């Protein structure tokens, strides 16, 4: 579980903009860059090279 305090200081590493937590899918999303960052063992992996494109249905 990512703490609220951590989410308040996290920013997208590409655009430096805000990100949102999607707990049910265990990921962090930047809607501006349309990137998804994984969370592994409660640690957000905020690396551009590890991000995947955001796909919405």
PDB file of N, CA and C in Angstrom:
ATOM      1  N   UNK A   1       0.844  -1.187   0.000  1.00  0.00           N
ATOM      2  CA  UNK A   1       0.000   0.000   0.000  1.00  0.00           C
ATOM      3  C   UNK A   1       0.884   1.243   0.000  1.00  0.00           C
ATOM      4  N   UNK A   2       0.675   2.113  -0.940  1.00  0.00           N
ATOM      5  CA  UNK A   2       1.422   3.363  -1.029  1.00  0.00           C
ATOM      6  C   UNK A   2       0.796   4.375  -0.070  1.00  0.00           C
ATOM      7  N   UNK A   3       1.629   5.017   0.710  1.00  0.00           N
ATOM      8  CA  UNK A   3       1.126   6.004   1.667  1.00  0.00           C
ATOM      9  C   UNK A   3       0.706   7.289   0.959  1.00  0.00           C
ATOM     10  N   UNK A   4      -0.287   7.946   1.545  1.00  0.00           N
ATOM     11  CA  UNK A   4      -0.805   9.201   0.995  1.00  0.00           C
ATOM     12  C   UNK A   4       0.294  10.255   0.899  1.00  0.00           C
ATOM     13  N   UNK A   5       1.172  10.305   1.905  1.00  0.00           N
ATOM     14  CA  UNK A   5       2.266  11.289   1.913  1.00  0.00           C
ATOM     15  C   UNK A   5       3.204  11.098   0.725  1.00  0.00           C
ATOM     16  N   UNK A   6       3.459   9.844   0.358  1.00  0.00           N
ATOM     17  CA  UNK A   6       4.322   9.564  -0.788  1.00  0.00           C
ATOM     18  C   UNK A   6       3.653  10.004  -2.081  1.00  0.00           C
ATOM     19  N   UNK A   7       2.367   9.720  -2.218  1.00  0.00           N
ATOM     20  CA  UNK A   7       1.646  10.110  -3.434  1.00  0.00           C
ATOM     21  C   UNK A   7       1.625  11.629  -3.609  1.00  0.00           C
ATOM     22  N   UNK A   8       1.615  12.367  -2.514  1.00  0.00           N
ATOM     23  CA  UNK A   8       1.598  13.828  -2.600  1.00  0.00           C
ATOM     24  C   UNK A   8       2.884  14.396  -3.186  1.00  0.00           C
ATOM     25  N   UNK A   9       4.007  13.680  -3.044  1.00  0.00           N
ATOM     26  CA  UNK A   9       5.279  14.209  -3.552  1.00  0.00           C
ATOM     27  C   UNK A   9       5.724  13.555  -4.863  1.00  0.00           C
ATOM     28  N   UNK A  10       5.070  12.458  -5.247  1.00  0.00           N
ATOM     29  CA  UNK A  10       5.443  11.800  -6.505  1.00  0.00           C
ATOM     30  C   UNK A  10       5.013  12.644  -7.704  1.00  0.00           C
ATOM     31  N   UNK A  11       5.852  12.640  -8.728  1.00  0.00           N
ATOM     32  CA  UNK A  11       5.547  13.320  -9.979  1.00  0.00           C
ATOM     33  C   UNK A  11       6.043  12.447 -11.126  1.00  0.00           C
ATOM     34  N   UNK A  12       5.490  12.658 -12.274  1.00  0.00           N
ATOM     35  CA  UNK A  12       5.916  11.925 -13.463  1.00  0.00           C
ATOM     36  C   UNK A  12       7.374  12.289 -13.765  1.00  0.00           C
ATOM     37  N   UNK A  13       8.228  11.294 -13.966  1.00  0.00           N
ATOM     38  CA  UNK A  13       9.630  11.596 -14.265  1.00  0.00           C
ATOM     39  C   UNK A  13       9.844  12.219 -15.644  1.00  0.00           C
ATOM     40  N   UNK A  14       8.847  12.091 -16.520  1.00  0.00           N
ATOM     41  CA  UNK A  14       8.992  12.647 -17.868  1.00  0.00           C
ATOM     42  C   UNK A  14       8.548  14.107 -17.929  1.00  0.00           C
ATOM     43  N   UNK A  15       7.325  14.395 -17.481  1.00  0.00           N
ATOM     44  CA  UNK A  15       6.791  15.757 -17.613  1.00  0.00           C
ATOM     45  C   UNK A  15       6.788  16.531 -16.296  1.00  0.00           C
ATOM     46  N   UNK A  16       7.117  15.838 -15.201  1.00  0.00           N
ATOM     47  CA  UNK A  16       7.124  16.431 -13.848  1.00  0.00           C
ATOM     48  C   UNK A  16       5.722  16.809 -13.384  1.00  0.00           C
ATOM     49  N   UNK A  17       4.712  16.302 -14.063  1.00  0.00           N
ATOM     50  CA  UNK A  17       3.327  16.596 -13.716  1.00  0.00           C
ATOM     51  C   UNK A  17       2.771  15.627 -12.680  1.00  0.00           C
ATOM     52  N   UNK A  18       1.513  15.820 -12.315  1.00  0.00           N
ATOM     53  CA  UNK A  18       0.882  14.976 -11.295  1.00  0.00           C
ATOM     54  C   UNK A  18       0.615  13.559 -11.804  1.00  0.00           C
ATOM     55  N   UNK A  19       0.616  12.628 -10.869  1.00  0.00           N
ATOM     56  CA  UNK A  19       0.288  11.237 -11.166  1.00  0.00           C
ATOM     57  C   UNK A  19      -0.847  10.804 -10.252  1.00  0.00           C
ATOM     58  N   UNK A  20      -1.514   9.744 -10.639  1.00  0.00           N
ATOM     59  CA  UNK A  20      -2.604   9.229  -9.803  1.00  0.00           C
ATOM     60  C   UNK A  20      -2.384   7.748  -9.524  1.00  0.00           C
ATOM     61  N   UNK A  21      -2.775   7.357  -8.344  1.00  0.00           N
ATOM     62  CA  UNK A  21      -2.668   5.968  -7.914  1.00  0.00           C
ATOM     63  C   UNK A  21      -3.918   5.217  -8.338  1.00  0.00           C
ATOM     64  N   UNK A  22      -3.718   4.069  -8.960  1.00  0.00           N
ATOM     65  CA  UNK A  22      -4.823   3.175  -9.283  1.00  0.00           C
ATOM     66  C   UNK A  22      -4.568   1.881  -8.511  1.00  0.00           C
ATOM     67  N   UNK A  23      -5.027   1.889  -7.262  1.00  0.00           N
ATOM     68  CA  UNK A  23      -4.737   0.793  -6.348  1.00  0.00           C
ATOM     69  C   UNK A  23      -5.247  -0.553  -6.831  1.00  0.00           C
ATOM     70  N   UNK A  24      -6.447  -0.558  -7.402  1.00  0.00           N
ATOM     71  CA  UNK A  24      -7.029  -1.830  -7.816  1.00  0.00           C
ATOM     72  C   UNK A  24      -6.194  -2.529  -8.880  1.00  0.00           C
ATOM     73  N   UNK A  25      -5.422  -1.754  -9.653  1.00  0.00           N
ATOM     74  CA  UNK A  25      -4.559  -2.338 -10.677  1.00  0.00           C
ATOM     75  C   UNK A  25      -3.090  -2.270 -10.288  1.00  0.00           C
ATOM     76  N   UNK A  26      -2.820  -1.780  -9.078  1.00  0.00           N
ATOM     77  CA  UNK A  26      -1.460  -1.718  -8.555  1.00  0.00           C
ATOM     78  C   UNK A  26      -0.513  -0.978  -9.514  1.00  0.00           C
ATOM     79  N   UNK A  27      -0.913   0.263  -9.828  1.00  0.00           N
ATOM     80  CA  UNK A  27      -0.100   1.053 -10.751  1.00  0.00           C
ATOM     81  C   UNK A  27      -0.290   2.537 -10.486  1.00  0.00           C
ATOM     82  N   UNK A  28       0.621   3.323 -11.052  1.00  0.00           N
ATOM     83  CA  UNK A  28       0.559   4.777 -10.983  1.00  0.00           C
ATOM     84  C   UNK A  28       0.494   5.282 -12.422  1.00  0.00           C
ATOM     85  N   UNK A  29      -0.392   6.245 -12.667  1.00  0.00           N
ATOM     86  CA  UNK A  29      -0.652   6.697 -14.037  1.00  0.00           C
ATOM     87  C   UNK A  29      -0.383   8.188 -14.168  1.00  0.00           C
ATOM     88  N   UNK A  30       0.287   8.571 -15.269  1.00  0.00           N
ATOM     89  CA  UNK A  30       0.403   9.969 -15.672  1.00  0.00           C
ATOM     90  C   UNK A  30      -0.502  10.133 -16.888  1.00  0.00           C
ATOM     91  N   UNK A  31      -1.577  10.870 -16.720  1.00  0.00           N
ATOM     92  CA  UNK A  31      -2.525  11.059 -17.821  1.00  0.00           C
ATOM     93  C   UNK A  31      -1.971  12.000 -18.891  1.00  0.00           C
ATOM     94  N   UNK A  32      -1.090  12.911 -18.516  1.00  0.00           N
ATOM     95  CA  UNK A  32      -0.502  13.843 -19.481  1.00  0.00           C
ATOM     96  C   UNK A  32       0.373  13.099 -20.490  1.00  0.00           C
ATOM     97  N   UNK A  33       1.267  12.257 -19.983  1.00  0.00           N
ATOM     98  CA  UNK A  33       2.179  11.503 -20.846  1.00  0.00           C
ATOM     99  C   UNK A  33       1.586  10.174 -21.303  1.00  0.00           C
ATOM    100  N   UNK A  34       0.446   9.810 -20.691  1.00  0.00           N
ATOM    101  CA  UNK A  34      -0.204   8.539 -20.970  1.00  0.00           C
ATOM    102  C   UNK A  34       0.740   7.365 -20.714  1.00  0.00           C
ATOM    103  N   UNK A  35       1.377   7.409 -19.518  1.00  0.00           N
ATOM    104  CA  UNK A  35       2.296   6.360 -19.099  1.00  0.00           C
ATOM    105  C   UNK A  35       1.791   5.697 -17.827  1.00  0.00           C
ATOM    106  N   UNK A  36       2.107   4.407 -17.704  1.00  0.00           N
ATOM    107  CA  UNK A  36       1.753   3.625 -16.526  1.00  0.00           C
ATOM    108  C   UNK A  36       3.044   3.146 -15.875  1.00  0.00           C
ATOM    109  N   UNK A  37       3.136   3.379 -14.567  1.00  0.00           N
ATOM    110  CA  UNK A  37       4.292   2.955 -13.791  1.00  0.00           C
ATOM    111  C   UNK A  37       3.848   1.853 -12.834  1.00  0.00           C
ATOM    112  N   UNK A  38       4.575   0.753 -12.826  1.00  0.00           N
ATOM    113  CA  UNK A  38       4.217  -0.394 -11.985  1.00  0.00           C
ATOM    114  C   UNK A  38       4.568  -0.124 -10.527  1.00  0.00           C
ATOM    115  N   UNK A  39       3.916  -0.879  -9.660  1.00  0.00           N
ATOM    116  CA  UNK A  39       4.246  -0.883  -8.241  1.00  0.00           C
ATOM    117  C   UNK A  39       4.613  -2.319  -7.900  1.00  0.00           C
ATOM    118  N   UNK A  40       5.826  -2.512  -7.404  1.00  0.00           N
ATOM    119  CA  UNK A  40       6.294  -3.855  -7.042  1.00  0.00           C
ATOM    120  C   UNK A  40       6.701  -3.867  -5.577  1.00  0.00           C
ATOM    121  N   UNK A  41       6.141  -4.772  -4.830  1.00  0.00           N
ATOM    122  CA  UNK A  41       6.425  -4.880  -3.391  1.00  0.00           C
ATOM    123  C   UNK A  41       6.249  -3.541  -2.687  1.00  0.00           C
ATOM    124  N   UNK A  42       5.161  -2.840  -3.019  1.00  0.00           N
ATOM    125  CA  UNK A  42       4.816  -1.533  -2.438  1.00  0.00           C
ATOM    126  C   UNK A  42       5.813  -0.430  -2.793  1.00  0.00           C
ATOM    127  N   UNK A  43       6.611  -0.636  -3.835  1.00  0.00           N
ATOM    128  CA  UNK A  43       7.573   0.371  -4.279  1.00  0.00           C
ATOM    129  C   UNK A  43       7.210   0.807  -5.695  1.00  0.00           C
ATOM    130  N   UNK A  44       6.925   2.104  -5.888  1.00  0.00           N
ATOM    131  CA  UNK A  44       6.622   2.572  -7.243  1.00  0.00           C
ATOM    132  C   UNK A  44       7.888   2.594  -8.103  1.00  0.00           C
ATOM    133  N   UNK A  45       7.800   2.028  -9.280  1.00  0.00           N
ATOM    134  CA  UNK A  45       8.919   1.988 -10.224  1.00  0.00           C
ATOM    135  C   UNK A  45       8.736   3.164 -11.184  1.00  0.00           C
ATOM    136  N   UNK A  46       9.320   4.304 -10.809  1.00  0.00           N
ATOM    137  CA  UNK A  46       9.105   5.551 -11.556  1.00  0.00           C
ATOM    138  C   UNK A  46      10.236   5.797 -12.556  1.00  0.00           C
ATOM    139  N   UNK A  47      10.505   4.814 -13.383  1.00  0.00           N
ATOM    140  CA  UNK A  47      11.531   4.916 -14.416  1.00  0.00           C
ATOM    141  C   UNK A  47      10.853   4.982 -15.781  1.00  0.00           C
ATOM    142  N   UNK A  48      11.235   5.954 -16.571  1.00  0.00           N
ATOM    143  CA  UNK A  48      10.624   6.117 -17.896  1.00  0.00           C
ATOM    144  C   UNK A  48      10.827   4.866 -18.749  1.00  0.00           C
ATOM    145  N   UNK A  49      12.007   4.262 -18.674  1.00  0.00           N
ATOM    146  CA  UNK A  49      12.304   3.073 -19.467  1.00  0.00           C
ATOM    147  C   UNK A  49      11.445   1.870 -19.075  1.00  0.00           C
ATOM    148  N   UNK A  50      10.931   1.861 -17.848  1.00  0.00           N
ATOM    149  CA  UNK A  50      10.117   0.737 -17.366  1.00  0.00           C
ATOM    150  C   UNK A  50       8.624   1.000 -17.519  1.00  0.00           C
ATOM    151  N   UNK A  51       8.252   2.214 -17.880  1.00  0.00           N
ATOM    152  CA  UNK A  51       6.837   2.573 -18.008  1.00  0.00           C
ATOM    153  C   UNK A  51       6.242   1.929 -19.259  1.00  0.00           C
ATOM    154  N   UNK A  52       4.921   1.737 -19.196  1.00  0.00           N
ATOM    155  CA  UNK A  52       4.204   1.189 -20.348  1.00  0.00           C
ATOM    156  C   UNK A  52       3.151   2.209 -20.785  1.00  0.00           C
ATOM    157  N   UNK A  53       2.757   2.174 -22.042  1.00  0.00           N
ATOM    158  CA  UNK A  53       1.724   3.113 -22.513  1.00  0.00           C
ATOM    159  C   UNK A  53       0.392   2.848 -21.828  1.00  0.00           C
ATOM    160  N   UNK A  54      -0.332   3.917 -21.566  1.00  0.00           N
ATOM    161  CA  UNK A  54      -1.669   3.813 -20.961  1.00  0.00           C
ATOM    162  C   UNK A  54      -2.658   3.406 -22.037  1.00  0.00           C
ATOM    163  N   UNK A  55      -3.367   2.327 -21.776  1.00  0.00           N
ATOM    164  CA  UNK A  55      -4.406   1.843 -22.676  1.00  0.00           C
ATOM    165  C   UNK A  55      -5.703   1.868 -21.898  1.00  0.00           C
ATOM    166  N   UNK A  56      -6.668   2.660 -22.363  1.00  0.00           N
ATOM    167  CA  UNK A  56      -7.963   2.741 -21.706  1.00  0.00           C
ATOM    168  C   UNK A  56      -9.034   2.153 -22.588  1.00  0.00           C
ATOM    169  N   UNK A  57      -9.959   1.484 -21.956  1.00  0.00           N
ATOM    170  CA  UNK A  57     -11.056   0.855 -22.718  1.00  0.00           C
ATOM    171  C   UNK A  57     -12.199   1.818 -22.888  1.00  0.00           C
TER     172      UNK A  57
END
